[in-house]
Amino acid sequence: MDTMIERALASRWLWLLARVLLALLFLAGGLAKLIDWEAGLAEVQAAGLNPPWVFSLATALTLIAGAVLVLLDRLVWLAAGVLSAFLLLTIVLVHSFWTSTSEPQQVALYFAFEHLSVIGGLLAAAIASQLRKRVAAVVVL
């Protein structure tokens, strides 16, 4: 049983699936901002960021570029850092639970926890990517 689990965890298909699932959130968010441009602008305006079109475009490009790097297993450390910084800024600018009361506060807190959990996943992906490349280099030698 352990051997089967170890083979699955070391497999390329599971590593690809993990990256697809992690990147899906960011790819979908970035594409949604481009496809429904007006809604993306409204989100940015609600956060008080000006000029809205610059922040909306920068957000979309950041999300898509980070997702693509994760999907391709290239510079995952950079993608994880940029996307983590984006999520932290989102907590501060949009989901500032410390400024709300009652129900809005609770929803914002849940979003903040969700963002922190995704940051953990991004960090784990960056670590796994680096370790997988080291192992592959050793196996080739």
N, C-alpha and C. Protein backbone atom coordinates (compact mmCIF):
# COMPACT_ATOMS: atom_id res chain seq x y z
N MET A 1 0.83 -1.20 0.00
CA MET A 1 0.00 0.00 0.00
C MET A 1 0.86 1.25 0.00
N ASP A 2 1.88 1.30 0.86
CA ASP A 2 2.74 2.47 0.91
C ASP A 2 3.42 2.72 -0.42
N THR A 3 3.83 1.65 -1.09
CA THR A 3 4.50 1.80 -2.38
C THR A 3 3.57 2.42 -3.41
N MET A 4 2.31 2.00 -3.41
CA MET A 4 1.34 2.56 -4.35
C MET A 4 1.13 4.06 -4.09
N ILE A 5 1.01 4.43 -2.83
CA ILE A 5 0.83 5.84 -2.46
C ILE A 5 2.09 6.63 -2.81
N GLU A 6 3.25 6.09 -2.52
CA GLU A 6 4.50 6.78 -2.84
C GLU A 6 4.64 6.98 -4.34
N ARG A 7 4.27 5.97 -5.14
CA ARG A 7 4.34 6.10 -6.60
C ARG A 7 3.37 7.19 -7.08
N ALA A 8 2.17 7.20 -6.51
CA ALA A 8 1.17 8.21 -6.90
C ALA A 8 1.68 9.61 -6.56
N LEU A 9 2.23 9.78 -5.36
CA LEU A 9 2.71 11.10 -4.95
C LEU A 9 3.90 11.57 -5.77
N ALA A 10 4.67 10.63 -6.30
CA ALA A 10 5.83 10.98 -7.12
C ALA A 10 5.48 11.08 -8.60
N SER A 11 4.26 10.75 -8.96
CA SER A 11 3.89 10.70 -10.38
C SER A 11 3.75 12.08 -11.00
N ARG A 12 3.99 12.12 -12.29
CA ARG A 12 3.85 13.37 -13.03
C ARG A 12 2.39 13.78 -13.14
N TRP A 13 1.50 12.81 -13.30
CA TRP A 13 0.08 13.14 -13.48
C TRP A 13 -0.51 13.79 -12.24
N LEU A 14 -0.12 13.33 -11.04
CA LEU A 14 -0.65 13.94 -9.82
C LEU A 14 -0.06 15.34 -9.62
N TRP A 15 1.20 15.49 -9.98
CA TRP A 15 1.84 16.81 -9.89
C TRP A 15 1.15 17.78 -10.85
N LEU A 16 0.83 17.32 -12.06
CA LEU A 16 0.11 18.15 -13.02
C LEU A 16 -1.29 18.50 -12.49
N LEU A 17 -1.99 17.52 -11.96
CA LEU A 17 -3.33 17.76 -11.41
C LEU A 17 -3.27 18.80 -10.28
N ALA A 18 -2.29 18.68 -9.41
CA ALA A 18 -2.15 19.63 -8.30
C ALA A 18 -1.93 21.04 -8.84
N ARG A 19 -1.09 21.18 -9.85
CA ARG A 19 -0.83 22.50 -10.43
C ARG A 19 -2.06 23.06 -11.14
N VAL A 20 -2.78 22.19 -11.85
CA VAL A 20 -4.00 22.65 -12.54
C VAL A 20 -5.02 23.15 -11.52
N LEU A 21 -5.22 22.39 -10.45
CA LEU A 21 -6.19 22.80 -9.44
C LEU A 21 -5.79 24.10 -8.75
N LEU A 22 -4.52 24.27 -8.50
CA LEU A 22 -4.05 25.50 -7.86
C LEU A 22 -4.16 26.69 -8.82
N ALA A 23 -3.80 26.49 -10.07
CA ALA A 23 -3.81 27.58 -11.04
C ALA A 23 -5.22 27.97 -11.48
N LEU A 24 -6.15 27.05 -11.39
CA LEU A 24 -7.51 27.29 -11.87
C LEU A 24 -8.13 28.54 -11.24
N LEU A 25 -7.95 28.71 -9.97
CA LEU A 25 -8.48 29.87 -9.25
C LEU A 25 -7.99 31.18 -9.87
N PHE A 26 -6.70 31.25 -10.13
CA PHE A 26 -6.10 32.48 -10.64
C PHE A 26 -6.39 32.68 -12.12
N LEU A 27 -6.34 31.61 -12.89
CA LEU A 27 -6.62 31.72 -14.32
C LEU A 27 -8.07 32.15 -14.56
N ALA A 28 -8.99 31.53 -13.84
CA ALA A 28 -10.40 31.90 -13.98
C ALA A 28 -10.63 33.35 -13.56
N GLY A 29 -10.02 33.77 -12.47
CA GLY A 29 -10.19 35.15 -12.00
C GLY A 29 -9.63 36.16 -13.00
N GLY A 30 -8.46 35.88 -13.54
CA GLY A 30 -7.85 36.80 -14.51
C GLY A 30 -8.65 36.87 -15.80
N LEU A 31 -9.08 35.71 -16.30
CA LEU A 31 -9.88 35.71 -17.53
C LEU A 31 -11.23 36.39 -17.32
N ALA A 32 -11.83 36.18 -16.15
CA ALA A 32 -13.12 36.81 -15.87
C ALA A 32 -13.00 38.33 -15.90
N LYS A 33 -11.89 38.84 -15.39
CA LYS A 33 -11.68 40.30 -15.40
C LYS A 33 -11.55 40.83 -16.83
N LEU A 34 -10.97 40.05 -17.72
CA LEU A 34 -10.84 40.48 -19.11
C LEU A 34 -12.13 40.29 -19.89
N ILE A 35 -12.81 39.17 -19.65
CA ILE A 35 -14.03 38.87 -20.39
C ILE A 35 -15.17 39.80 -19.99
N ASP A 36 -15.35 40.01 -18.69
CA ASP A 36 -16.38 40.92 -18.21
C ASP A 36 -15.68 42.17 -17.66
N TRP A 37 -15.19 42.97 -18.58
CA TRP A 37 -14.37 44.13 -18.24
C TRP A 37 -15.07 45.09 -17.28
N GLU A 38 -16.36 45.33 -17.51
CA GLU A 38 -17.11 46.27 -16.66
C GLU A 38 -17.20 45.78 -15.22
N ALA A 39 -17.43 44.49 -15.04
CA ALA A 39 -17.48 43.94 -13.68
C ALA A 39 -16.12 44.04 -13.00
N GLY A 40 -15.06 43.79 -13.75
CA GLY A 40 -13.71 43.94 -13.21
C GLY A 40 -13.42 45.36 -12.77
N LEU A 41 -13.84 46.31 -13.60
CA LEU A 41 -13.67 47.72 -13.24
C LEU A 41 -14.46 48.07 -11.98
N ALA A 42 -15.68 47.52 -11.88
CA ALA A 42 -16.52 47.79 -10.71
C ALA A 42 -15.86 47.27 -9.43
N GLU A 43 -15.25 46.09 -9.51
CA GLU A 43 -14.55 45.54 -8.33
C GLU A 43 -13.42 46.46 -7.89
N VAL A 44 -12.64 46.89 -8.85
CA VAL A 44 -11.49 47.76 -8.54
C VAL A 44 -11.97 49.11 -7.99
N GLN A 45 -13.02 49.65 -8.58
CA GLN A 45 -13.56 50.92 -8.09
C GLN A 45 -14.09 50.78 -6.67
N ALA A 46 -14.73 49.63 -6.38
CA ALA A 46 -15.25 49.40 -5.03
C ALA A 46 -14.13 49.37 -3.99
N ALA A 47 -12.95 48.95 -4.43
CA ALA A 47 -11.79 48.92 -3.53
C ALA A 47 -11.14 50.29 -3.42
N GLY A 48 -11.60 51.24 -4.24
CA GLY A 48 -11.07 52.60 -4.18
C GLY A 48 -9.75 52.79 -4.91
N LEU A 49 -9.44 51.91 -5.86
CA LEU A 49 -8.17 52.01 -6.58
C LEU A 49 -8.36 52.82 -7.87
N ASN A 50 -7.48 53.78 -8.09
CA ASN A 50 -7.57 54.65 -9.26
C ASN A 50 -6.24 54.75 -9.97
N PRO A 51 -6.23 54.82 -11.26
CA PRO A 51 -7.37 54.68 -12.17
C PRO A 51 -7.78 53.20 -12.27
N PRO A 52 -9.07 52.95 -12.28
CA PRO A 52 -9.58 51.58 -12.23
C PRO A 52 -9.10 50.69 -13.37
N TRP A 53 -9.00 51.22 -14.56
CA TRP A 53 -8.62 50.38 -15.70
C TRP A 53 -7.20 49.87 -15.56
N VAL A 54 -6.31 50.67 -14.97
CA VAL A 54 -4.92 50.24 -14.77
C VAL A 54 -4.87 49.10 -13.76
N PHE A 55 -5.57 49.25 -12.65
CA PHE A 55 -5.54 48.22 -11.62
C PHE A 55 -6.26 46.95 -12.09
N SER A 56 -7.33 47.10 -12.84
CA SER A 56 -8.05 45.93 -13.34
C SER A 56 -7.19 45.15 -14.34
N LEU A 57 -6.56 45.85 -15.25
CA LEU A 57 -5.68 45.19 -16.23
C LEU A 57 -4.48 44.56 -15.55
N ALA A 58 -3.87 45.27 -14.61
CA ALA A 58 -2.72 44.73 -13.88
C ALA A 58 -3.11 43.48 -13.09
N THR A 59 -4.29 43.51 -12.48
CA THR A 59 -4.78 42.35 -11.75
C THR A 59 -4.96 41.16 -12.67
N ALA A 60 -5.64 41.38 -13.79
CA ALA A 60 -5.89 40.29 -14.74
C ALA A 60 -4.58 39.69 -15.24
N LEU A 61 -3.65 40.53 -15.64
CA LEU A 61 -2.38 40.04 -16.17
C LEU A 61 -1.56 39.32 -15.10
N THR A 62 -1.59 39.83 -13.89
CA THR A 62 -0.87 39.18 -12.78
C THR A 62 -1.43 37.78 -12.52
N LEU A 63 -2.75 37.69 -12.45
CA LEU A 63 -3.40 36.41 -12.17
C LEU A 63 -3.12 35.40 -13.29
N ILE A 64 -3.26 35.83 -14.53
CA ILE A 64 -3.05 34.92 -15.66
C ILE A 64 -1.58 34.51 -15.76
N ALA A 65 -0.67 35.45 -15.65
CA ALA A 65 0.76 35.13 -15.75
C ALA A 65 1.19 34.18 -14.63
N GLY A 66 0.73 34.44 -13.42
CA GLY A 66 1.07 33.55 -12.31
C GLY A 66 0.53 32.15 -12.52
N ALA A 67 -0.71 32.06 -12.99
CA ALA A 67 -1.32 30.76 -13.23
C ALA A 67 -0.57 29.99 -14.32
N VAL A 68 -0.19 30.68 -15.38
CA VAL A 68 0.53 30.03 -16.48
C VAL A 68 1.88 29.50 -16.00
N LEU A 69 2.59 30.28 -15.20
CA LEU A 69 3.88 29.81 -14.66
C LEU A 69 3.70 28.56 -13.80
N VAL A 70 2.67 28.54 -12.98
CA VAL A 70 2.40 27.36 -12.15
C VAL A 70 2.06 26.17 -13.05
N LEU A 71 1.20 26.37 -14.03
CA LEU A 71 0.81 25.29 -14.94
C LEU A 71 2.00 24.71 -15.68
N LEU A 72 2.91 25.58 -16.13
CA LEU A 72 4.08 25.13 -16.89
C LEU A 72 5.20 24.61 -15.99
N ASP A 73 5.04 24.75 -14.68
CA ASP A 73 6.08 24.36 -13.72
C ASP A 73 7.38 25.11 -13.99
N ARG A 74 7.23 26.39 -14.30
CA ARG A 74 8.37 27.26 -14.57
C ARG A 74 8.32 28.44 -13.60
N LEU A 75 9.44 28.71 -12.97
CA LEU A 75 9.53 29.84 -12.04
C LEU A 75 8.36 29.83 -11.05
N VAL A 76 8.04 28.66 -10.53
CA VAL A 76 6.91 28.54 -9.61
C VAL A 76 7.17 29.39 -8.36
N TRP A 77 8.41 29.51 -7.96
CA TRP A 77 8.73 30.35 -6.80
C TRP A 77 8.33 31.80 -7.05
N LEU A 78 8.56 32.28 -8.28
CA LEU A 78 8.20 33.66 -8.62
C LEU A 78 6.68 33.81 -8.67
N ALA A 79 6.02 32.86 -9.31
CA ALA A 79 4.55 32.89 -9.38
C ALA A 79 3.95 32.86 -7.98
N ALA A 80 4.49 32.00 -7.12
CA ALA A 80 3.98 31.89 -5.75
C ALA A 80 4.18 33.21 -5.01
N GLY A 81 5.31 33.83 -5.19
CA GLY A 81 5.57 35.10 -4.52
C GLY A 81 4.66 36.21 -4.99
N VAL A 82 4.50 36.33 -6.30
CA VAL A 82 3.66 37.39 -6.86
C VAL A 82 2.20 37.17 -6.50
N LEU A 83 1.72 35.94 -6.65
CA LEU A 83 0.32 35.66 -6.33
C LEU A 83 0.05 35.78 -4.83
N SER A 84 1.02 35.41 -4.02
CA SER A 84 0.87 35.57 -2.56
C SER A 84 0.80 37.05 -2.19
N ALA A 85 1.66 37.85 -2.80
CA ALA A 85 1.61 39.30 -2.54
C ALA A 85 0.26 39.87 -2.98
N PHE A 86 -0.24 39.41 -4.13
CA PHE A 86 -1.55 39.85 -4.59
C PHE A 86 -2.63 39.49 -3.56
N LEU A 87 -2.60 38.26 -3.06
CA LEU A 87 -3.61 37.83 -2.08
C LEU A 87 -3.51 38.62 -0.78
N LEU A 88 -2.29 38.88 -0.32
CA LEU A 88 -2.12 39.68 0.90
C LEU A 88 -2.65 41.10 0.70
N LEU A 89 -2.35 41.69 -0.46
CA LEU A 89 -2.89 43.02 -0.75
C LEU A 89 -4.41 43.02 -0.82
N THR A 90 -4.96 41.94 -1.35
CA THR A 90 -6.42 41.81 -1.42
C THR A 90 -7.02 41.77 -0.02
N ILE A 91 -6.37 41.07 0.89
CA ILE A 91 -6.86 41.04 2.28
C ILE A 91 -6.88 42.46 2.85
N VAL A 92 -5.79 43.18 2.64
CA VAL A 92 -5.67 44.52 3.21
C VAL A 92 -6.64 45.51 2.55
N LEU A 93 -6.76 45.45 1.24
CA LEU A 93 -7.55 46.46 0.52
C LEU A 93 -9.03 46.12 0.38
N VAL A 94 -9.36 44.83 0.30
CA VAL A 94 -10.74 44.44 0.01
C VAL A 94 -11.41 43.72 1.17
N HIS A 95 -10.69 42.79 1.78
CA HIS A 95 -11.29 41.97 2.84
C HIS A 95 -10.81 42.40 4.22
N SER A 96 -10.83 43.68 4.46
CA SER A 96 -10.32 44.23 5.73
C SER A 96 -11.36 43.99 6.83
N PHE A 97 -11.35 42.79 7.37
CA PHE A 97 -12.34 42.37 8.37
C PHE A 97 -12.26 43.20 9.65
N TRP A 98 -11.13 43.82 9.90
CA TRP A 98 -10.96 44.61 11.13
C TRP A 98 -11.71 45.94 11.06
N THR A 99 -12.23 46.30 9.88
CA THR A 99 -12.96 47.57 9.77
C THR A 99 -14.48 47.38 9.71
N SER A 100 -14.94 46.13 9.64
CA SER A 100 -16.37 45.85 9.51
C SER A 100 -16.95 45.39 10.84
N THR A 101 -18.25 45.25 10.85
CA THR A 101 -18.92 44.72 12.03
C THR A 101 -19.87 43.59 11.62
N SER A 102 -20.14 42.71 12.53
CA SER A 102 -21.09 41.60 12.42
C SER A 102 -20.89 40.78 11.14
N GLU A 103 -21.94 40.61 10.35
CA GLU A 103 -21.88 39.70 9.21
C GLU A 103 -20.82 40.08 8.17
N PRO A 104 -20.73 41.34 7.74
CA PRO A 104 -19.67 41.66 6.78
C PRO A 104 -18.27 41.35 7.32
N GLN A 105 -18.09 41.54 8.60
CA GLN A 105 -16.80 41.24 9.22
C GLN A 105 -16.50 39.75 9.13
N GLN A 106 -17.49 38.93 9.41
CA GLN A 106 -17.29 37.49 9.38
C GLN A 106 -16.98 37.00 7.96
N VAL A 107 -17.69 37.50 6.97
CA VAL A 107 -17.44 37.12 5.57
C VAL A 107 -16.03 37.54 5.15
N ALA A 108 -15.64 38.75 5.50
CA ALA A 108 -14.30 39.24 5.17
C ALA A 108 -13.24 38.39 5.86
N LEU A 109 -13.48 37.98 7.09
CA LEU A 109 -12.54 37.14 7.80
C LEU A 109 -12.41 35.78 7.12
N TYR A 110 -13.52 35.21 6.67
CA TYR A 110 -13.47 33.93 5.95
C TYR A 110 -12.65 34.06 4.67
N PHE A 111 -12.85 35.16 3.93
CA PHE A 111 -12.06 35.38 2.72
C PHE A 111 -10.58 35.53 3.06
N ALA A 112 -10.27 36.23 4.14
CA ALA A 112 -8.88 36.39 4.54
C ALA A 112 -8.26 35.04 4.88
N PHE A 113 -8.98 34.19 5.61
CA PHE A 113 -8.46 32.85 5.93
C PHE A 113 -8.28 32.01 4.66
N GLU A 114 -9.24 32.13 3.75
CA GLU A 114 -9.14 31.40 2.48
C GLU A 114 -7.88 31.85 1.72
N HIS A 115 -7.66 33.14 1.66
CA HIS A 115 -6.49 33.66 0.96
C HIS A 115 -5.21 33.17 1.62
N LEU A 116 -5.17 33.16 2.94
CA LEU A 116 -3.98 32.67 3.64
C LEU A 116 -3.75 31.18 3.36
N SER A 117 -4.81 30.41 3.27
CA SER A 117 -4.69 28.98 2.95
C SER A 117 -4.15 28.79 1.54
N VAL A 118 -4.62 29.58 0.60
CA VAL A 118 -4.12 29.49 -0.78
C VAL A 118 -2.65 29.89 -0.83
N ILE A 119 -2.25 30.87 -0.05
CA ILE A 119 -0.84 31.24 0.03
C ILE A 119 -0.02 30.04 0.50
N GLY A 120 -0.54 29.31 1.48
CA GLY A 120 0.14 28.08 1.92
C GLY A 120 0.28 27.07 0.79
N GLY A 121 -0.78 26.93 -0.01
CA GLY A 121 -0.72 26.03 -1.16
C GLY A 121 0.30 26.49 -2.19
N LEU A 122 0.37 27.79 -2.42
CA LEU A 122 1.36 28.33 -3.36
C LEU A 122 2.78 28.07 -2.87
N LEU A 123 3.00 28.28 -1.58
CA LEU A 123 4.33 28.01 -1.02
C LEU A 123 4.68 26.53 -1.12
N ALA A 124 3.71 25.66 -0.84
CA ALA A 124 3.94 24.22 -0.96
C ALA A 124 4.26 23.83 -2.40
N ALA A 125 3.57 24.45 -3.36
CA ALA A 125 3.83 24.16 -4.77
C ALA A 125 5.23 24.61 -5.16
N ALA A 126 5.65 25.78 -4.68
CA ALA A 126 7.00 26.27 -5.00
C ALA A 126 8.06 25.33 -4.42
N ILE A 127 7.84 24.87 -3.20
CA ILE A 127 8.78 23.93 -2.56
C ILE A 127 8.79 22.61 -3.32
N ALA A 128 7.62 22.09 -3.64
CA ALA A 128 7.53 20.81 -4.35
C ALA A 128 8.19 20.91 -5.72
N SER A 129 7.96 22.00 -6.42
CA SER A 129 8.56 22.18 -7.74
C SER A 129 10.08 22.13 -7.65
N GLN A 130 10.62 22.86 -6.70
CA GLN A 130 12.07 22.91 -6.53
C GLN A 130 12.62 21.53 -6.16
N LEU A 131 11.98 20.84 -5.23
CA LEU A 131 12.45 19.52 -4.82
C LEU A 131 12.34 18.50 -5.94
N ARG A 132 11.27 18.54 -6.71
CA ARG A 132 11.10 17.61 -7.84
C ARG A 132 12.21 17.82 -8.87
N LYS A 133 12.60 19.07 -9.11
CA LYS A 133 13.67 19.35 -10.06
C LYS A 133 15.02 18.87 -9.53
N ARG A 134 15.24 19.01 -8.25
CA ARG A 134 16.48 18.50 -7.65
C ARG A 134 16.56 16.99 -7.74
N VAL A 135 15.46 16.33 -7.43
CA VAL A 135 15.42 14.86 -7.51
C VAL A 135 15.64 14.40 -8.96
N ALA A 136 15.01 15.07 -9.91
CA ALA A 136 15.16 14.71 -11.32
C ALA A 136 16.61 14.89 -11.76
N ALA A 137 17.28 15.93 -11.28
CA ALA A 137 18.67 16.17 -11.64
C ALA A 137 19.56 15.08 -11.07
N VAL A 138 19.29 14.62 -9.87
CA VAL A 138 20.09 13.58 -9.24
C VAL A 138 19.86 12.24 -9.96
N VAL A 139 18.63 11.96 -10.32
CA VAL A 139 18.30 10.70 -10.99
C VAL A 139 18.97 10.64 -12.35
N VAL A 140 19.07 11.77 -13.06
CA VAL A 140 19.71 11.81 -14.38
C VAL A 140 21.20 11.56 -14.27
N LEU A 141 21.82 12.07 -13.22
CA LEU A 141 23.26 11.87 -13.03
C LEU A 141 23.52 10.43 -12.78
